[in-house]
């Protein structure tokens, strides 16, 4: 009887990595391995039940659900940033 020694690699997307799903493109803003949550910045909404592919990592994952927000900022010419 054949015996197999199997090892599984965990998925790890890189911050800033370009991800694609069909014609949809975006960049990874955050990745939480523990709860499998990927945060992507994109001009489009990735399709639920689609496949997302990390261009540099080569990771492929199924999109289970989408939660998205849309933000628009109007900044004046006198914005001050302090550290």
Protein backbone atom coordinates (compact mmCIF):
# COMPACT_ATOMS: atom_id res chain seq x y z
CA UNK A 1 0.00 0.00 0.00
CA UNK A 2 1.51 3.41 -0.97
CA UNK A 3 2.28 5.91 1.78
CA UNK A 4 2.45 9.67 1.22
CA UNK A 5 4.20 12.32 3.24
CA UNK A 6 2.14 15.48 2.72
CA UNK A 7 3.05 19.01 3.76
CA UNK A 8 0.83 22.03 3.21
CA UNK A 9 2.13 25.54 2.73
CA UNK A 10 0.15 28.35 4.27
CA UNK A 11 -0.99 31.23 2.12
CA UNK A 12 0.87 34.49 2.64
CA UNK A 13 0.09 37.59 0.60
CA UNK A 14 2.64 40.40 0.63
CA UNK A 15 1.79 43.99 1.60
CA UNK A 16 1.78 46.09 -1.59
CA UNK A 17 1.50 43.03 -3.81
CA UNK A 18 -0.70 43.32 -6.89
CA UNK A 19 -3.62 40.88 -6.87
CA UNK A 20 -5.96 40.04 -9.74
CA UNK A 21 -9.26 38.28 -10.23
CA UNK A 22 -10.16 38.16 -13.91
CA UNK A 23 -10.14 41.79 -15.09
CA UNK A 24 -10.15 43.17 -11.51
CA UNK A 25 -6.84 44.45 -10.09
CA UNK A 26 -5.81 45.83 -6.74
CA UNK A 27 -3.00 46.07 -4.19
CA UNK A 28 -2.77 44.31 -0.85
CA UNK A 29 -3.09 46.69 2.10
CA UNK A 30 -3.18 44.01 4.78
CA UNK A 31 -3.24 40.27 5.30
CA UNK A 32 -4.28 38.44 8.48
CA UNK A 33 -3.37 34.76 8.29
CA UNK A 34 -5.21 33.80 11.47
CA UNK A 35 -8.67 34.88 10.28
CA UNK A 36 -7.86 34.64 6.54
CA UNK A 37 -8.76 38.28 5.96
CA UNK A 38 -7.25 40.11 2.98
CA UNK A 39 -7.57 43.89 2.64
CA UNK A 40 -7.24 45.15 -0.95
CA UNK A 41 -7.24 48.65 -2.43
CA UNK A 42 -8.99 48.68 -5.80
CA UNK A 43 -11.22 50.81 -8.02
CA UNK A 44 -13.49 47.82 -8.60
CA UNK A 45 -15.24 45.21 -6.45
CA UNK A 46 -13.80 41.72 -6.73
CA UNK A 47 -16.44 39.06 -7.50
CA UNK A 48 -17.61 36.86 -4.64
CA UNK A 49 -16.80 33.18 -5.24
CA UNK A 50 -14.08 34.28 -7.66
CA UNK A 51 -10.40 33.42 -7.46
CA UNK A 52 -7.79 35.95 -6.37
CA UNK A 53 -4.16 35.57 -7.46
CA UNK A 54 -1.12 37.25 -5.92
CA UNK A 55 1.17 38.35 -8.74
CA UNK A 56 4.48 38.22 -6.80
CA UNK A 57 3.67 35.50 -4.23
CA UNK A 58 1.84 33.24 -6.68
CA UNK A 59 -0.83 32.54 -4.06
CA UNK A 60 -4.26 31.55 -5.33
CA UNK A 61 -7.29 31.75 -3.08
CA UNK A 62 -11.07 31.65 -3.38
CA UNK A 63 -13.01 34.80 -2.45
CA UNK A 64 -15.57 33.68 0.14
CA UNK A 65 -17.20 37.05 0.85
CA UNK A 66 -16.75 40.77 0.28
CA UNK A 67 -16.95 43.62 2.74
CA UNK A 68 -16.10 46.96 1.21
CA UNK A 69 -15.99 50.64 2.01
CA UNK A 70 -15.80 53.63 -0.26
CA UNK A 71 -14.01 56.77 0.87
CA UNK A 72 -13.39 60.12 -0.71
CA UNK A 73 -11.29 62.85 0.85
CA UNK A 74 -11.28 66.54 0.00
CA UNK A 75 -8.06 68.06 1.25
CA UNK A 76 -7.43 71.78 1.38
CA UNK A 77 -4.21 73.48 0.28
CA UNK A 78 -3.35 74.27 3.90
CA UNK A 79 -3.33 70.72 5.30
CA UNK A 80 -0.64 70.30 7.94
CA UNK A 81 0.94 67.01 8.90
CA UNK A 82 2.90 66.78 12.14
CA UNK A 83 4.91 63.86 13.43
